[in-house]
């Protein structure tokens, strides 16, 4: 009986590994091309994510590899520091992840507000959609977000007037159409054949049959794609590279651990150990850095395909890495047939899926402050850089939390001819000082004032000093005495 179960489990893992492999091939290539690096570099990261990270503990069914969520960061890093520095950045990212895992910080990534994470993903998605629209037309993309947005009109005009750009854009748009319609087909066809593979295969066939004048992927060989970082790459850019490393670490770690939480909801097997998963991602990125490859994260698309294909153990993700290695070693010239515009369409579709439209609507109805943080983070990523957008999102989230937790209620009891009683409840911080002082300064000066602070859970130094200053000034200006009551920490 046990042998039969083992054989059935093995068969399911092998089938699942083939499905994940077919999903991973076009995505690895597409992410690499969109990141401004050779196509083989994406395959190297996919191989490491499967063979190495797939064998490590953490999340048994989650699949790692190059992710669309890091495309924007990689492109910015390659543009600013050069492709030679990519390995050093990824290596430093992996080492930092290992340190965080050793300090048991994996679980703390779950403390990042969902609004910031969704804002990051939305910003990345929008940048992908806007940037890859140029790739769909075989047109060079401008360097900055505002320039890309401003150039969309000229791009549309070129597509309408240039037959070469129109042919490429038609291939890309057709790829998007296949991806959208594929899941709507009846029966098990969408499950058995991955949409990304079918879409890219059909686009490649159409270009070959009609001999369309479109750009194709350039191939230099798997061995040539490996670029180990040198000492100059590690030290040549000084502290300027630090922000990029921190952004890589934050986004890659958060995306991997949030993906793990999502994958855990898809199956009934063992749950993810977050610190071990972060350690596995650190090992993978360290290896990718030493090879000069793309950074990796756990990827929800491949992970979901793995679970849905019936995977039972980590063997499926290890085997998918083996199939990637065999494909890259034996059939590298097959990559030269793939049109770049089809990969652009693939990433435009992936970018749209990164924008959680339904979640944004619900967030706006229930928590408008969180929706503002999400929107500001996404907008900042589009118009500035990834690091600046993430930093702004985190600062806004902290500021919003500080504002909400510093809520204070001010009650004023006139008391007729007797003393005016003022009671403060909640958390009195410097953020609420304007409201508190406006209320106190409007009180009459011809009657005693009792200021009751017993209802305060927290009174910061700024508020305590301001209350003392107001009371002293009130007395000096001829007002009736102010009497404050409350805990020693508040009244002292």
Protein backbone atom coordinates (compact mmCIF):
# COMPACT_ATOMS: atom_id res chain seq x y z
CA UNK A 1 0.00 0.00 0.00
CA UNK A 2 2.77 2.41 0.97
CA UNK A 3 4.67 1.56 -2.23
CA UNK A 4 1.57 2.33 -4.30
CA UNK A 5 1.18 5.68 -2.57
CA UNK A 6 4.87 6.46 -3.18
CA UNK A 7 4.55 5.64 -6.88
CA UNK A 8 1.42 7.77 -7.18
CA UNK A 9 3.13 10.66 -5.40
CA UNK A 10 6.19 10.34 -7.64
CA UNK A 11 4.03 10.34 -10.76
CA UNK A 12 2.17 13.46 -9.61
CA UNK A 13 5.43 15.26 -8.84
CA UNK A 14 6.91 14.45 -12.26
CA UNK A 15 3.77 15.65 -14.06
CA UNK A 16 3.65 18.80 -11.95
CA UNK A 17 7.33 19.52 -12.65
CA UNK A 18 6.69 19.40 -16.41
CA UNK A 19 3.74 21.77 -16.07
CA UNK A 20 5.79 24.24 -14.00
CA UNK A 21 8.67 23.94 -16.48
CA UNK A 22 6.36 24.88 -19.37
CA UNK A 23 5.08 27.87 -17.40
CA UNK A 24 8.58 28.93 -16.33
CA UNK A 25 10.32 28.95 -19.73
CA UNK A 26 8.54 31.96 -21.27
CA UNK A 27 8.42 33.82 -17.96
CA UNK A 28 12.15 33.39 -17.27
CA UNK A 29 12.97 34.64 -20.75
CA UNK A 30 10.44 37.46 -20.67
CA UNK A 31 11.57 38.79 -17.29
CA UNK A 32 15.21 38.73 -18.42
CA UNK A 33 14.53 40.60 -21.67
CA UNK A 34 12.37 43.19 -19.88
CA UNK A 35 15.13 43.64 -17.28
CA UNK A 36 17.66 44.55 -19.95
CA UNK A 37 19.80 41.41 -19.62
CA UNK A 38 20.35 38.39 -21.93
CA UNK A 39 17.55 35.83 -22.03
CA UNK A 40 19.80 33.09 -20.67
CA UNK A 41 20.33 35.01 -17.44
CA UNK A 42 16.67 34.45 -16.59
CA UNK A 43 17.04 30.73 -17.22
CA UNK A 44 20.08 30.59 -14.90
CA UNK A 45 17.98 32.07 -12.09
CA UNK A 46 15.16 29.63 -12.84
CA UNK A 47 17.59 26.71 -12.69
CA UNK A 48 19.02 27.87 -9.35
CA UNK A 49 15.51 28.45 -8.00
CA UNK A 50 14.51 24.93 -8.94
CA UNK A 51 17.54 22.74 -8.30
CA UNK A 52 19.07 24.57 -5.31
CA UNK A 53 16.27 26.45 -3.54
CA UNK A 54 13.77 23.73 -4.41
CA UNK A 55 15.75 21.23 -2.35
CA UNK A 56 15.88 23.44 0.76
CA UNK A 57 13.35 23.53 3.62
CA UNK A 58 10.83 26.33 4.02
CA UNK A 59 7.78 26.01 1.80
CA UNK A 60 7.56 22.58 0.21
CA UNK A 61 5.38 23.46 -2.81
CA UNK A 62 6.44 27.04 -3.53
CA UNK A 63 8.50 27.57 -6.71
CA UNK A 64 11.22 30.23 -7.00
CA UNK A 65 12.71 31.99 -9.99
CA UNK A 66 12.96 35.37 -11.72
CA UNK A 67 9.81 37.38 -11.04
CA UNK A 68 8.00 40.17 -12.84
CA UNK A 69 7.85 41.98 -9.51
CA UNK A 70 11.62 42.61 -9.62
CA UNK A 71 11.82 43.57 -13.29
CA UNK A 72 11.58 47.29 -12.62
CA UNK A 73 14.26 47.18 -9.92
CA UNK A 74 16.66 45.15 -12.07
CA UNK A 75 16.18 47.42 -15.08
CA UNK A 76 16.89 50.51 -12.97
CA UNK A 77 19.97 48.86 -11.43
CA UNK A 78 21.36 47.75 -14.80
CA UNK A 79 20.72 51.21 -16.27
CA UNK A 80 22.41 53.01 -13.38
CA UNK A 81 25.28 50.69 -12.46
CA UNK A 82 25.69 48.46 -15.53
CA UNK A 83 25.07 44.76 -16.00
CA UNK A 84 28.50 43.98 -14.53
CA UNK A 85 27.30 45.18 -11.12
CA UNK A 86 24.12 43.09 -11.15
CA UNK A 87 25.85 40.03 -9.69
CA UNK A 88 27.29 42.08 -6.83
CA UNK A 89 23.88 43.58 -6.02
CA UNK A 90 22.15 40.20 -6.03
CA UNK A 91 25.00 38.66 -3.99
CA UNK A 92 24.67 41.39 -1.35
CA UNK A 93 20.89 40.87 -1.36
CA UNK A 94 21.32 37.15 -0.71
CA UNK A 95 23.79 37.71 2.10
CA UNK A 96 21.45 40.27 3.72
CA UNK A 97 18.58 37.80 3.48
CA UNK A 98 20.73 35.17 5.18
CA UNK A 99 21.50 37.61 8.00
CA UNK A 100 17.81 38.46 8.41
CA UNK A 101 16.91 34.77 8.46
CA UNK A 102 19.61 34.04 11.06
CA UNK A 103 18.12 36.83 13.20
CA UNK A 104 14.69 35.18 12.79
CA UNK A 105 13.25 38.19 10.99
CA UNK A 106 11.25 36.15 8.48
CA UNK A 107 8.03 36.38 10.45
CA UNK A 108 8.38 40.15 10.76
CA UNK A 109 7.95 40.64 7.04
CA UNK A 110 4.32 39.72 7.65
CA UNK A 111 4.04 42.92 9.70
CA UNK A 112 4.41 45.10 6.59
CA UNK A 113 1.04 46.69 5.95
CA UNK A 114 -0.90 45.13 3.12
CA UNK A 115 -1.51 48.58 1.61
CA UNK A 116 2.23 49.12 1.09
CA UNK A 117 2.73 45.64 -0.39
CA UNK A 118 -0.23 46.08 -2.74
CA UNK A 119 1.03 49.55 -3.59
CA UNK A 120 4.44 48.12 -4.49
CA UNK A 121 2.87 45.43 -6.66
CA UNK A 122 0.51 47.94 -8.28
CA UNK A 123 3.37 50.33 -9.04
CA UNK A 124 5.45 47.51 -10.51
CA UNK A 125 2.46 46.36 -12.54
CA UNK A 126 1.84 49.84 -13.95
CA UNK A 127 5.52 50.30 -14.82
CA UNK A 128 5.49 46.93 -16.59
CA UNK A 129 2.36 47.78 -18.55
CA UNK A 130 3.65 51.20 -19.62
CA UNK A 131 7.23 50.08 -20.30
CA UNK A 132 6.37 46.85 -22.10
CA UNK A 133 3.88 48.66 -24.34
CA UNK A 134 7.00 49.96 -26.11
CA UNK A 135 8.47 46.45 -26.29
CA UNK A 136 5.24 45.23 -27.89
CA UNK A 137 5.93 47.67 -30.75
CA UNK A 138 9.68 46.92 -30.98
CA UNK A 139 10.35 50.49 -29.84
CA UNK A 140 12.95 51.67 -27.36
CA UNK A 141 11.40 52.72 -24.07
CA UNK A 142 12.25 56.14 -22.54
CA UNK A 143 14.36 56.05 -19.38
CA UNK A 144 11.99 57.54 -16.79
CA UNK A 145 8.37 56.98 -15.81
CA UNK A 146 7.13 60.48 -16.72
CA UNK A 147 8.88 60.25 -20.11
CA UNK A 148 7.28 56.87 -20.79
CA UNK A 149 3.83 58.20 -19.93
CA UNK A 150 4.35 61.35 -22.02
CA UNK A 151 5.56 59.25 -24.95
CA UNK A 152 2.51 57.00 -25.17
CA UNK A 153 0.85 59.33 -27.67
CA UNK A 154 3.87 59.25 -29.96
CA UNK A 155 4.00 55.47 -29.55
CA UNK A 156 0.37 55.15 -30.68
CA UNK A 157 1.08 57.38 -33.67
CA UNK A 158 4.07 55.26 -34.65
CA UNK A 159 2.07 52.04 -34.41
CA UNK A 160 -0.58 53.57 -36.67
CA UNK A 161 1.90 54.83 -39.28
CA UNK A 162 4.77 52.31 -39.23
CA UNK A 163 4.00 48.83 -40.63
CA UNK A 164 6.93 47.26 -38.75
CA UNK A 165 5.75 48.65 -35.41
CA UNK A 166 2.17 47.65 -36.26
CA UNK A 167 3.21 44.07 -37.04
CA UNK A 168 5.12 43.78 -33.75
CA UNK A 169 2.28 45.33 -31.75
CA UNK A 170 -0.22 42.96 -33.38
CA UNK A 171 1.89 40.00 -32.26
CA UNK A 172 2.09 41.38 -28.72
CA UNK A 173 -1.62 42.19 -28.57
CA UNK A 174 -2.41 38.73 -29.88
CA UNK A 175 -0.30 37.25 -27.09
CA UNK A 176 -2.30 39.20 -24.51
CA UNK A 177 -5.58 38.08 -26.13
CA UNK A 178 -4.57 34.41 -25.97
CA UNK A 179 -3.60 34.75 -22.30
CA UNK A 180 -6.93 36.37 -21.44
CA UNK A 181 -9.06 33.90 -23.40
CA UNK A 182 -7.12 30.73 -22.59
CA UNK A 183 -8.46 30.35 -19.06
CA UNK A 184 -12.01 30.73 -20.32
CA UNK A 185 -11.82 27.63 -22.48
CA UNK A 186 -14.03 24.77 -21.27
CA UNK A 187 -12.75 21.47 -19.95
CA UNK A 188 -9.27 20.65 -18.73
CA UNK A 189 -7.35 22.17 -21.64
CA UNK A 190 -6.34 25.34 -19.74
CA UNK A 191 -5.07 23.16 -16.89
CA UNK A 192 -3.09 20.74 -19.03
CA UNK A 193 -1.44 23.39 -21.21
CA UNK A 194 -0.09 26.56 -19.56
CA UNK A 195 -1.39 29.78 -21.08
CA UNK A 196 1.99 31.58 -21.25
CA UNK A 197 3.56 28.72 -23.20
CA UNK A 198 0.63 28.50 -25.63
CA UNK A 199 0.55 32.27 -26.18
CA UNK A 200 4.29 32.54 -26.90
CA UNK A 201 4.25 29.40 -29.07
CA UNK A 202 1.36 30.72 -31.19
CA UNK A 203 3.05 34.11 -31.54
CA UNK A 204 6.30 32.43 -32.59
CA UNK A 205 4.47 30.28 -35.13
CA UNK A 206 2.58 33.27 -36.55
CA UNK A 207 5.80 35.24 -37.02
CA UNK A 208 7.45 32.28 -38.75
CA UNK A 209 4.48 31.48 -41.04
CA UNK A 210 3.84 35.07 -42.14
CA UNK A 211 7.52 36.06 -42.07
CA UNK A 212 6.76 39.17 -40.03
CA UNK A 213 9.55 41.78 -39.66
CA UNK A 214 9.74 41.74 -35.88
CA UNK A 215 12.66 41.59 -33.44
CA UNK A 216 13.51 38.23 -31.94
CA UNK A 217 15.33 37.19 -28.77
CA UNK A 218 19.11 37.24 -29.01
CA UNK A 219 20.96 34.20 -27.66
CA UNK A 220 24.61 34.15 -26.56
CA UNK A 221 24.85 30.79 -24.81
CA UNK A 222 24.22 29.67 -21.24
CA UNK A 223 27.90 29.63 -20.23
CA UNK A 224 28.50 33.11 -21.67
CA UNK A 225 25.60 34.45 -19.61
CA UNK A 226 27.36 33.61 -16.34
CA UNK A 227 29.14 36.74 -15.02
CA UNK A 228 30.70 36.22 -11.56
CA UNK A 229 31.13 39.58 -9.81
CA UNK A 230 34.63 40.93 -9.31
CA UNK A 231 36.04 42.93 -6.43
CA UNK A 232 35.54 46.19 -8.33
CA UNK A 233 31.84 45.39 -8.79
CA UNK A 234 31.47 44.96 -5.05
CA UNK A 235 33.28 48.15 -4.05
CA UNK A 236 33.31 50.40 -7.10
CA UNK A 237 29.96 52.12 -6.50
CA UNK A 238 30.32 52.79 -2.77
CA UNK A 239 27.23 53.64 -0.76
CA UNK A 240 25.28 54.57 -3.91
CA UNK A 241 24.50 50.91 -4.43
CA UNK A 242 23.24 50.40 -0.87
CA UNK A 243 19.74 51.74 -1.56
CA UNK A 244 19.34 49.33 -4.45
CA UNK A 245 20.43 46.38 -2.30
CA UNK A 246 17.95 47.34 0.41
CA UNK A 247 15.14 47.68 -2.13
CA UNK A 248 16.01 44.28 -3.65
CA UNK A 249 15.99 42.69 -0.20
CA UNK A 250 12.72 44.23 0.92
CA UNK A 251 10.77 43.50 -2.25
CA UNK A 252 12.21 40.02 -2.86
CA UNK A 253 11.71 38.92 0.76
CA UNK A 254 8.23 40.39 1.13
CA UNK A 255 7.05 38.96 -2.19
CA UNK A 256 8.42 35.50 -1.33
CA UNK A 257 6.86 35.37 2.13
CA UNK A 258 3.51 36.77 1.01
CA UNK A 259 3.54 34.23 -1.81
CA UNK A 260 4.21 31.50 0.78
CA UNK A 261 1.16 32.58 2.76
CA UNK A 262 -0.96 32.44 -0.40
CA UNK A 263 0.38 29.00 -1.38
CA UNK A 264 -0.33 27.66 2.11
CA UNK A 265 -4.01 28.45 1.52
CA UNK A 266 -4.00 26.36 -1.66
CA UNK A 267 -3.07 23.01 -0.16
CA UNK A 268 -3.46 20.88 2.98
CA UNK A 269 0.19 19.93 3.41
CA UNK A 270 2.86 21.26 5.73
CA UNK A 271 2.79 24.99 6.43
CA UNK A 272 5.65 27.33 5.56
CA UNK A 273 8.40 27.98 8.09
CA UNK A 274 9.05 31.64 7.31
CA UNK A 275 12.58 31.93 8.68
CA UNK A 276 13.66 28.79 6.81
CA UNK A 277 12.02 30.06 3.62
CA UNK A 278 13.85 33.38 3.96
CA UNK A 279 17.07 31.42 4.50
CA UNK A 280 16.40 29.41 1.33
CA UNK A 281 15.77 32.60 -0.66
CA UNK A 282 19.01 34.03 0.73
CA UNK A 283 20.95 30.95 -0.37
CA UNK A 284 19.37 31.17 -3.82
CA UNK A 285 20.13 34.85 -4.30
CA UNK A 286 23.68 34.37 -3.04
CA UNK A 287 24.18 31.68 -5.67
CA UNK A 288 22.54 33.83 -8.35
CA UNK A 289 24.82 36.71 -7.39
CA UNK A 290 27.91 34.54 -7.71
CA UNK A 291 26.71 33.54 -11.19
CA UNK A 292 25.81 37.10 -12.19
CA UNK A 293 22.18 36.10 -12.69
CA UNK A 294 18.86 37.80 -11.96
CA UNK A 295 17.56 37.98 -8.40
CA UNK A 296 14.91 35.46 -7.45
CA UNK A 297 11.74 35.38 -5.43
CA UNK A 298 9.05 32.83 -4.86
CA UNK A 299 6.66 33.25 -7.79
CA UNK A 300 2.94 32.84 -7.22
CA UNK A 301 2.14 31.94 -10.86
CA UNK A 302 4.55 28.98 -10.93
CA UNK A 303 3.69 28.00 -7.36
CA UNK A 304 -0.04 27.95 -8.13
CA UNK A 305 0.61 25.86 -11.24
CA UNK A 306 2.64 23.44 -9.12
CA UNK A 307 -0.15 22.98 -6.58
CA UNK A 308 -2.90 22.77 -9.19
CA UNK A 309 -0.94 20.15 -11.14
CA UNK A 310 -1.07 17.88 -8.07
CA UNK A 311 2.46 18.18 -6.66
CA UNK A 312 2.97 16.40 -3.36
CA UNK A 313 6.61 17.06 -2.41
CA UNK A 314 9.48 19.40 -3.17
CA UNK A 315 10.64 16.95 -5.87
CA UNK A 316 8.39 18.68 -8.41
CA UNK A 317 10.13 22.03 -8.09
CA UNK A 318 13.59 20.42 -8.15
CA UNK A 319 12.74 18.55 -11.35
CA UNK A 320 11.39 21.70 -12.99
CA UNK A 321 14.86 23.21 -12.49
CA UNK A 322 16.41 20.13 -14.07
CA UNK A 323 14.15 20.46 -17.13
CA UNK A 324 15.14 24.13 -17.43
CA UNK A 325 18.82 23.15 -17.35
CA UNK A 326 18.31 20.49 -20.04
CA UNK A 327 16.35 22.92 -22.22
CA UNK A 328 18.96 25.70 -21.89
CA UNK A 329 21.82 23.29 -22.62
CA UNK A 330 20.26 21.31 -25.50
CA UNK A 331 17.85 23.73 -27.21
CA UNK A 332 19.31 27.24 -26.81
CA UNK A 333 18.74 28.17 -30.45
CA UNK A 334 14.99 27.66 -29.98
CA UNK A 335 15.00 30.94 -28.03
CA UNK A 336 16.05 32.84 -31.16
CA UNK A 337 12.66 32.11 -32.73
CA UNK A 338 10.70 33.91 -30.00
CA UNK A 339 9.53 37.45 -30.90
CA UNK A 340 10.36 40.14 -28.34
CA UNK A 341 6.89 41.67 -28.75
CA UNK A 342 5.31 38.40 -27.59
CA UNK A 343 7.35 38.54 -24.40
CA UNK A 344 6.28 42.17 -24.03
CA UNK A 345 2.65 41.07 -24.26
CA UNK A 346 3.33 38.34 -21.71
CA UNK A 347 4.65 40.90 -19.23
CA UNK A 348 1.90 43.42 -19.94
CA UNK A 349 -0.58 40.71 -18.95
CA UNK A 350 1.50 39.92 -15.85
CA UNK A 351 1.64 43.63 -15.00
CA UNK A 352 -2.13 44.00 -15.19
CA UNK A 353 -2.53 41.03 -12.86
CA UNK A 354 -0.25 42.70 -10.33
CA UNK A 355 -2.72 45.58 -9.93
CA UNK A 356 -5.31 44.37 -7.36
CA UNK A 357 -8.28 46.33 -8.73
CA UNK A 358 -10.89 44.49 -6.66
CA UNK A 359 -8.86 44.81 -3.47
CA UNK A 360 -8.39 48.54 -4.10
CA UNK A 361 -12.13 49.07 -4.45
CA UNK A 362 -12.85 47.19 -1.25
CA UNK A 363 -10.03 49.01 0.54
CA UNK A 364 -11.44 52.38 -0.54
CA UNK A 365 -14.86 51.47 0.83
CA UNK A 366 -13.59 50.16 4.16
CA UNK A 367 -10.23 51.85 4.87
CA UNK A 368 -9.69 54.96 2.80
CA UNK A 369 -6.46 55.84 4.58
CA UNK A 370 -4.98 52.50 3.52
CA UNK A 371 -6.18 53.10 -0.05
CA UNK A 372 -4.41 56.47 -0.06
CA UNK A 373 -1.17 54.79 1.07
CA UNK A 374 -1.55 52.20 -1.70
CA UNK A 375 -2.20 54.82 -4.36
CA UNK A 376 0.63 57.09 -3.24
CA UNK A 377 3.10 54.17 -3.18
CA UNK A 378 2.11 53.01 -6.67
CA UNK A 379 2.21 56.54 -8.10
CA UNK A 380 5.61 57.26 -6.58
CA UNK A 381 7.05 54.07 -8.08
CA UNK A 382 5.72 55.02 -11.53
CA UNK A 383 7.01 58.62 -11.54
CA UNK A 384 10.25 58.21 -9.54
CA UNK A 385 12.11 54.99 -8.77
CA UNK A 386 11.28 51.74 -7.05
CA UNK A 387 13.34 52.52 -3.94
CA UNK A 388 11.87 55.99 -3.50
CA UNK A 389 8.35 54.65 -3.98
CA UNK A 390 8.82 51.90 -1.39
CA UNK A 391 10.37 54.36 1.07
CA UNK A 392 7.48 56.81 0.61
CA UNK A 393 4.94 54.03 1.11
CA UNK A 394 6.54 52.88 4.35
CA UNK A 395 6.78 56.45 5.67
CA UNK A 396 3.14 57.14 4.82
CA UNK A 397 2.07 53.91 6.52
CA UNK A 398 3.97 54.84 9.67
CA UNK A 399 2.58 58.39 9.61
CA UNK A 400 -0.96 57.11 9.12
CA UNK A 401 -0.60 54.65 11.99
CA UNK A 402 0.83 57.37 14.24
CA UNK A 403 -2.06 59.68 13.37
CA UNK A 404 -4.70 57.04 14.04
CA UNK A 405 -3.19 55.78 17.29
CA UNK A 406 -2.79 59.32 18.62
CA UNK A 407 -6.54 59.91 18.64
CA UNK A 408 -7.60 62.10 21.54
CA UNK A 409 -11.11 63.10 22.65
CA UNK A 410 -11.60 66.47 24.33
CA UNK A 411 -14.67 66.93 26.56
CA UNK A 412 -15.58 70.39 27.86
CA UNK A 413 -18.15 70.73 30.67
CA UNK A 414 -19.05 74.42 31.07
CA UNK A 415 -20.34 73.92 34.62
CA UNK A 416 -22.41 77.09 34.64
CA UNK A 417 -21.01 79.48 37.25
CA UNK A 418 -18.66 76.84 38.65
CA UNK A 419 -15.32 75.61 37.37
CA UNK A 420 -14.98 74.59 33.74
CA UNK A 421 -14.04 70.91 33.56
CA UNK A 422 -11.95 69.73 30.60
CA UNK A 423 -11.28 66.01 30.20
CA UNK A 424 -8.80 64.47 27.75
CA UNK A 425 -9.17 60.82 26.73
CA UNK A 426 -7.07 58.66 24.41
CA UNK A 427 -3.47 59.20 23.29
CA UNK A 428 -2.21 62.79 23.39
CA UNK A 429 0.74 63.22 21.05
CA UNK A 430 2.24 66.20 19.23
CA UNK A 431 0.11 65.31 16.18
CA UNK A 432 -3.02 66.35 18.11
CA UNK A 433 -1.59 69.45 19.76
CA UNK A 434 -3.29 71.99 17.46
CA UNK A 435 -6.75 70.68 18.33
CA UNK A 436 -6.02 70.45 22.07
CA UNK A 437 -4.53 73.96 22.28
CA UNK A 438 -7.32 75.49 20.19
CA UNK A 439 -9.85 74.10 22.66
CA UNK A 440 -7.92 75.23 25.75
CA UNK A 441 -7.20 78.73 24.45
CA UNK A 442 -10.93 79.28 23.81
CA UNK A 443 -11.83 78.63 27.47
CA UNK A 444 -13.08 81.55 29.61
CA UNK A 445 -10.53 83.18 31.93
CA UNK A 446 -12.99 84.29 34.62
CA UNK A 447 -13.67 80.85 36.07
CA UNK A 448 -11.44 78.10 37.51
CA UNK A 449 -10.41 75.35 35.10
CA UNK A 450 -10.04 71.70 36.03
CA UNK A 451 -7.95 69.84 33.47
CA UNK A 452 -8.53 66.09 33.93
CA UNK A 453 -5.85 63.91 32.36
CA UNK A 454 -6.83 60.61 34.02
CA UNK A 455 -8.45 59.38 30.80
CA UNK A 456 -5.20 59.54 28.81
CA UNK A 457 -3.46 56.28 28.01
CA UNK A 458 -0.40 58.12 26.71
CA UNK A 459 0.89 61.67 27.00
CA UNK A 460 4.09 62.44 25.14
CA UNK A 461 6.69 64.99 26.15
CA UNK A 462 5.57 67.58 23.60
CA UNK A 463 1.98 67.53 24.85
CA UNK A 464 3.00 67.58 28.51
CA UNK A 465 5.24 70.58 27.92
CA UNK A 466 2.57 72.38 25.88
CA UNK A 467 -0.07 71.85 28.58
CA UNK A 468 2.27 73.20 31.28
CA UNK A 469 3.16 76.20 29.09
CA UNK A 470 -0.53 76.93 28.41
CA UNK A 471 -1.40 76.70 32.13
CA UNK A 472 1.45 79.04 33.11
CA UNK A 473 0.54 81.56 30.42
CA UNK A 474 -3.13 81.36 31.35
CA UNK A 475 -2.29 82.19 34.97
CA UNK A 476 0.14 84.95 34.05
CA UNK A 477 -2.45 86.69 31.86
CA UNK A 478 -4.78 87.09 34.82
CA UNK A 479 -6.90 84.02 34.35
CA UNK A 480 -8.23 81.95 37.19
CA UNK A 481 -6.00 79.10 38.38
CA UNK A 482 -5.73 75.92 36.32
CA UNK A 483 -5.73 72.65 38.23
CA UNK A 484 -4.45 69.52 36.47
CA UNK A 485 -5.23 66.02 37.72
CA UNK A 486 -3.92 62.77 36.37
CA UNK A 487 -1.16 60.19 36.68
CA UNK A 488 2.17 61.39 37.96
CA UNK A 489 3.72 60.71 34.54
CA UNK A 490 1.14 62.99 32.93
CA UNK A 491 0.89 65.78 35.46
CA UNK A 492 4.55 65.99 36.43
